Amino acid sequence: MKLDAIDRRILNALQRDGRLQNVDLAQQVGLSPSPCLRRVRLLEEAGVIEKYVAVLNPAKVGKALTVFARVWLKGQDAQTVDRFAEAVRQFPDVVECHLMAGDCDFLLRIVAADLDEYRRFQMEYLTRIPGVQSVKTDIPMQKIKLTSEIPM
């Protein structure tokens, strides 16, 4: 799908506030409500807009700690990689999982209440996935930037 300037304005506005009413969105992007709604529906149908979510404050829901875990597998064969990926999908505390090119095999972003909770998760679940060779954990000291907005 080719995005024009109006589509980009719609996407920027919805990334800032996904609960924006169509009338307000239309006013912000310079359209009347009907054409604006039609464009939003087309963006949704094309998969440009995947879903709408509420962004939570992790500390206020008991998940104040974010860690990054680098995972090395014993092998990079399809079965080992697939088994690891399927296991990680089952863990709600793993909020991101990326298959990596480079030093490690996977990079995970994990949320936990505190360091003790993360350590239990690592020992009881993460390192027990068949094929895991080692896990190295990086703990961020300060959040400088975190956004879900894609630059348009």
C-alpha atoms as a PDB file:
ATOM      1  CA  MET A   1       0.000   0.000   0.000  1.00  0.00           C
ATOM      2  CA  LYS A   2       1.347   3.398  -1.004  1.00  0.00           C
ATOM      3  CA  LEU A   3       0.963   5.938   1.809  1.00  0.00           C
ATOM      4  CA  ASP A   4       0.277   9.549   0.942  1.00  0.00           C
ATOM      5  CA  ALA A   5       0.690  12.622   3.166  1.00  0.00           C
ATOM      6  CA  ILE A   6      -2.823  12.337   4.609  1.00  0.00           C
ATOM      7  CA  ASP A   7      -2.315   8.649   5.465  1.00  0.00           C
ATOM      8  CA  ARG A   8       0.890   9.609   7.253  1.00  0.00           C
ATOM      9  CA  ARG A   9      -0.856  12.351   9.220  1.00  0.00           C
ATOM     10  CA  ILE A  10      -3.574   9.864  10.211  1.00  0.00           C
ATOM     11  CA  LEU A  11      -0.967   7.319  11.323  1.00  0.00           C
ATOM     12  CA  ASN A  12       1.008   9.902  13.300  1.00  0.00           C
ATOM     13  CA  ALA A  13      -2.117  11.109  15.074  1.00  0.00           C
ATOM     14  CA  LEU A  14      -3.281   7.576  15.914  1.00  0.00           C
ATOM     15  CA  GLN A  15       0.180   6.614  17.180  1.00  0.00           C
ATOM     16  CA  ARG A  16       0.026   9.529  19.610  1.00  0.00           C
ATOM     17  CA  ASP A  17      -3.560   8.726  20.684  1.00  0.00           C
ATOM     18  CA  GLY A  18      -5.244   5.535  19.516  1.00  0.00           C
ATOM     19  CA  ARG A  19      -8.500   6.547  21.240  1.00  0.00           C
ATOM     20  CA  LEU A  20      -8.866   9.670  19.120  1.00  0.00           C
ATOM     21  CA  GLN A  21     -12.460  10.037  17.947  1.00  0.00           C
ATOM     22  CA  ASN A  22     -12.906  10.039  14.171  1.00  0.00           C
ATOM     23  CA  VAL A  23     -14.315  13.593  14.188  1.00  0.00           C
ATOM     24  CA  ASP A  24     -11.238  14.878  16.027  1.00  0.00           C
ATOM     25  CA  LEU A  25      -8.893  12.839  13.843  1.00  0.00           C
ATOM     26  CA  ALA A  26     -10.539  14.185  10.689  1.00  0.00           C
ATOM     27  CA  GLN A  27     -10.120  17.735  11.954  1.00  0.00           C
ATOM     28  CA  GLN A  28      -6.437  17.167  12.775  1.00  0.00           C
ATOM     29  CA  VAL A  29      -5.617  15.749   9.340  1.00  0.00           C
ATOM     30  CA  GLY A  30      -7.763  18.121   7.293  1.00  0.00           C
ATOM     31  CA  LEU A  31     -10.536  15.776   6.112  1.00  0.00           C
ATOM     32  CA  SER A  32     -14.233  15.489   6.695  1.00  0.00           C
ATOM     33  CA  PRO A  33     -15.231  12.568   8.973  1.00  0.00           C
ATOM     34  CA  SER A  34     -16.483  10.127   6.292  1.00  0.00           C
ATOM     35  CA  PRO A  35     -13.362  10.131   4.084  1.00  0.00           C
ATOM     36  CA  CYS A  36     -11.183  10.023   7.221  1.00  0.00           C
ATOM     37  CA  LEU A  37     -12.991   6.947   8.539  1.00  0.00           C
ATOM     38  CA  ARG A  38     -12.741   5.300   5.120  1.00  0.00           C
ATOM     39  CA  ARG A  39      -8.964   5.878   5.072  1.00  0.00           C
ATOM     40  CA  VAL A  40      -8.565   4.488   8.598  1.00  0.00           C
ATOM     41  CA  ARG A  41     -10.529   1.363   7.617  1.00  0.00           C
ATOM     42  CA  LEU A  42      -8.327   0.912   4.519  1.00  0.00           C
ATOM     43  CA  LEU A  43      -5.194   1.248   6.659  1.00  0.00           C
ATOM     44  CA  GLU A  44      -6.582  -1.374   9.051  1.00  0.00           C
ATOM     45  CA  GLU A  45      -7.593  -3.765   6.251  1.00  0.00           C
ATOM     46  CA  ALA A  46      -4.164  -3.427   4.606  1.00  0.00           C
ATOM     47  CA  GLY A  47      -2.493  -4.330   7.894  1.00  0.00           C
ATOM     48  CA  VAL A  48      -0.731  -0.983   8.208  1.00  0.00           C
ATOM     49  CA  ILE A  49      -2.620  -0.544  11.490  1.00  0.00           C
ATOM     50  CA  GLU A  50      -2.279  -3.916  13.186  1.00  0.00           C
ATOM     51  CA  LYS A  51      -4.169  -3.237  16.430  1.00  0.00           C
ATOM     52  CA  TYR A  52      -4.996  -0.689  19.091  1.00  0.00           C
ATOM     53  CA  VAL A  53      -3.588  -1.089  22.599  1.00  0.00           C
ATOM     54  CA  ALA A  54      -3.332   0.646  25.962  1.00  0.00           C
ATOM     55  CA  VAL A  55       0.255   1.407  26.976  1.00  0.00           C
ATOM     56  CA  LEU A  56       0.627   0.633  30.673  1.00  0.00           C
ATOM     57  CA  ASN A  57       3.017   2.026  33.242  1.00  0.00           C
ATOM     58  CA  PRO A  58       4.984  -1.113  34.228  1.00  0.00           C
ATOM     59  CA  ALA A  59       5.788   0.132  37.741  1.00  0.00           C
ATOM     60  CA  LYS A  60       2.115   0.761  38.520  1.00  0.00           C
ATOM     61  CA  VAL A  61       1.157  -2.804  37.570  1.00  0.00           C
ATOM     62  CA  GLY A  62       3.927  -4.453  39.570  1.00  0.00           C
ATOM     63  CA  LYS A  63       6.505  -4.931  36.780  1.00  0.00           C
ATOM     64  CA  ALA A  64       8.977  -2.145  37.540  1.00  0.00           C
ATOM     65  CA  LEU A  65      12.091  -3.999  36.370  1.00  0.00           C
ATOM     66  CA  THR A  66      13.021  -4.439  32.710  1.00  0.00           C
ATOM     67  CA  VAL A  67      15.969  -6.630  31.776  1.00  0.00           C
ATOM     68  CA  PHE A  68      17.503  -7.684  28.500  1.00  0.00           C
ATOM     69  CA  ALA A  69      18.591 -11.300  28.275  1.00  0.00           C
ATOM     70  CA  ARG A  70      20.971 -12.492  25.587  1.00  0.00           C
ATOM     71  CA  VAL A  71      20.510 -16.204  24.925  1.00  0.00           C
ATOM     72  CA  TRP A  72      22.920 -18.610  23.270  1.00  0.00           C
ATOM     73  CA  LEU A  73      21.649 -21.982  22.093  1.00  0.00           C
ATOM     74  CA  LYS A  74      23.617 -25.226  21.893  1.00  0.00           C
ATOM     75  CA  GLY A  75      22.835 -25.364  18.157  1.00  0.00           C
ATOM     76  CA  GLN A  76      21.211 -23.223  15.490  1.00  0.00           C
ATOM     77  CA  ASP A  77      19.331 -26.040  13.766  1.00  0.00           C
ATOM     78  CA  ALA A  78      15.662 -25.442  12.961  1.00  0.00           C
ATOM     79  CA  GLN A  79      14.370 -27.773  15.673  1.00  0.00           C
ATOM     80  CA  THR A  80      16.370 -26.093  18.465  1.00  0.00           C
ATOM     81  CA  VAL A  81      15.471 -22.585  17.316  1.00  0.00           C
ATOM     82  CA  ASP A  82      11.781 -23.434  16.839  1.00  0.00           C
ATOM     83  CA  ARG A  83      11.578 -25.172  20.232  1.00  0.00           C
ATOM     84  CA  PHE A  84      13.098 -22.137  21.944  1.00  0.00           C
ATOM     85  CA  ALA A  85      10.824 -19.687  20.109  1.00  0.00           C
ATOM     86  CA  GLU A  86       7.710 -21.705  20.959  1.00  0.00           C
ATOM     87  CA  ALA A  87       8.675 -21.934  24.631  1.00  0.00           C
ATOM     88  CA  VAL A  88       9.327 -18.200  24.892  1.00  0.00           C
ATOM     89  CA  ARG A  89       5.927 -17.408  23.351  1.00  0.00           C
ATOM     90  CA  GLN A  90       4.354 -19.074  26.403  1.00  0.00           C
ATOM     91  CA  PHE A  91       6.029 -16.739  28.931  1.00  0.00           C
ATOM     92  CA  PRO A  92       4.039 -13.523  29.503  1.00  0.00           C
ATOM     93  CA  ASP A  93       7.006 -11.850  31.214  1.00  0.00           C
ATOM     94  CA  VAL A  94       8.921 -11.991  27.924  1.00  0.00           C
ATOM     95  CA  VAL A  95       7.517  -8.948  26.133  1.00  0.00           C
ATOM     96  CA  GLU A  96       9.929  -9.027  23.186  1.00  0.00           C
ATOM     97  CA  CYS A  97      11.950 -11.807  21.596  1.00  0.00           C
ATOM     98  CA  HIS A  98      14.244 -11.317  18.618  1.00  0.00           C
ATOM     99  CA  LEU A  99      16.229 -13.903  16.668  1.00  0.00           C
ATOM    100  CA  MET A 100      19.596 -12.225  16.232  1.00  0.00           C
ATOM    101  CA  ALA A 101      22.412 -12.155  13.718  1.00  0.00           C
ATOM    102  CA  GLY A 102      25.668 -11.598  15.550  1.00  0.00           C
ATOM    103  CA  ASP A 103      26.993 -12.594  18.943  1.00  0.00           C
ATOM    104  CA  CYS A 104      23.944 -14.160  20.617  1.00  0.00           C
ATOM    105  CA  ASP A 105      21.109 -16.228  19.163  1.00  0.00           C
ATOM    106  CA  PHE A 106      18.179 -14.420  20.801  1.00  0.00           C
ATOM    107  CA  LEU A 107      17.627 -11.114  22.557  1.00  0.00           C
ATOM    108  CA  LEU A 108      14.734 -10.950  25.021  1.00  0.00           C
ATOM    109  CA  ARG A 109      13.149  -8.032  26.825  1.00  0.00           C
ATOM    110  CA  ILE A 110      11.675  -9.280  30.071  1.00  0.00           C
ATOM    111  CA  VAL A 111       9.622  -7.471  32.721  1.00  0.00           C
ATOM    112  CA  ALA A 112       9.539  -8.464  36.379  1.00  0.00           C
ATOM    113  CA  ALA A 113       8.564  -7.033  39.730  1.00  0.00           C
ATOM    114  CA  ASP A 114      12.164  -7.018  40.926  1.00  0.00           C
ATOM    115  CA  LEU A 115      15.518  -8.708  40.524  1.00  0.00           C
ATOM    116  CA  ASP A 116      14.499 -11.683  42.676  1.00  0.00           C
ATOM    117  CA  GLU A 117      11.473 -12.370  40.471  1.00  0.00           C
ATOM    118  CA  TYR A 118      13.596 -12.168  37.326  1.00  0.00           C
ATOM    119  CA  ARG A 119      16.228 -14.488  38.811  1.00  0.00           C
ATOM    120  CA  ARG A 120      13.531 -17.061  39.642  1.00  0.00           C
ATOM    121  CA  PHE A 121      12.169 -16.775  36.094  1.00  0.00           C
ATOM    122  CA  GLN A 122      15.645 -17.248  34.627  1.00  0.00           C
ATOM    123  CA  MET A 123      16.456 -20.279  36.788  1.00  0.00           C
ATOM    124  CA  GLU A 124      13.047 -21.999  36.725  1.00  0.00           C
ATOM    125  CA  TYR A 125      12.026 -21.363  33.126  1.00  0.00           C
ATOM    126  CA  LEU A 126      14.471 -19.685  30.775  1.00  0.00           C
ATOM    127  CA  THR A 127      17.537 -21.832  31.373  1.00  0.00           C
ATOM    128  CA  ARG A 128      15.428 -25.009  31.424  1.00  0.00           C
ATOM    129  CA  ILE A 129      14.288 -24.648  27.817  1.00  0.00           C
ATOM    130  CA  PRO A 130      15.892 -27.522  25.893  1.00  0.00           C
ATOM    131  CA  GLY A 131      18.832 -26.305  23.821  1.00  0.00           C
ATOM    132  CA  VAL A 132      19.719 -23.247  25.929  1.00  0.00           C
ATOM    133  CA  GLN A 133      23.469 -23.097  26.435  1.00  0.00           C
ATOM    134  CA  SER A 134      23.779 -19.821  28.334  1.00  0.00           C
ATOM    135  CA  VAL A 135      21.969 -16.617  29.265  1.00  0.00           C
ATOM    136  CA  LYS A 136      23.582 -13.256  29.942  1.00  0.00           C
ATOM    137  CA  THR A 137      21.448 -10.573  31.524  1.00  0.00           C
ATOM    138  CA  ASP A 138      21.832  -6.827  31.007  1.00  0.00           C
ATOM    139  CA  ILE A 139      20.072  -4.533  33.465  1.00  0.00           C
ATOM    140  CA  PRO A 140      19.399  -0.995  32.250  1.00  0.00           C
ATOM    141  CA  MET A 141      20.244   1.733  34.749  1.00  0.00           C
ATOM    142  CA  GLN A 142      17.987   4.432  33.294  1.00  0.00           C
ATOM    143  CA  LYS A 143      15.332   4.561  30.600  1.00  0.00           C
ATOM    144  CA  ILE A 144      16.350   7.286  28.153  1.00  0.00           C
ATOM    145  CA  LYS A 145      13.755   6.693  25.447  1.00  0.00           C
ATOM    146  CA  LEU A 146      10.941   4.215  24.954  1.00  0.00           C
ATOM    147  CA  THR A 147       8.357   4.698  22.267  1.00  0.00           C
ATOM    148  CA  SER A 148       6.036   2.601  20.165  1.00  0.00           C
ATOM    149  CA  GLU A 149       5.746   5.290  17.499  1.00  0.00           C
ATOM    150  CA  ILE A 150       7.176   4.479  14.077  1.00  0.00           C
ATOM    151  CA  PRO A 151       8.576   7.609  12.387  1.00  0.00           C
ATOM    152  CA  MET A 152       6.482   8.577   9.386  1.00  0.00           C
END
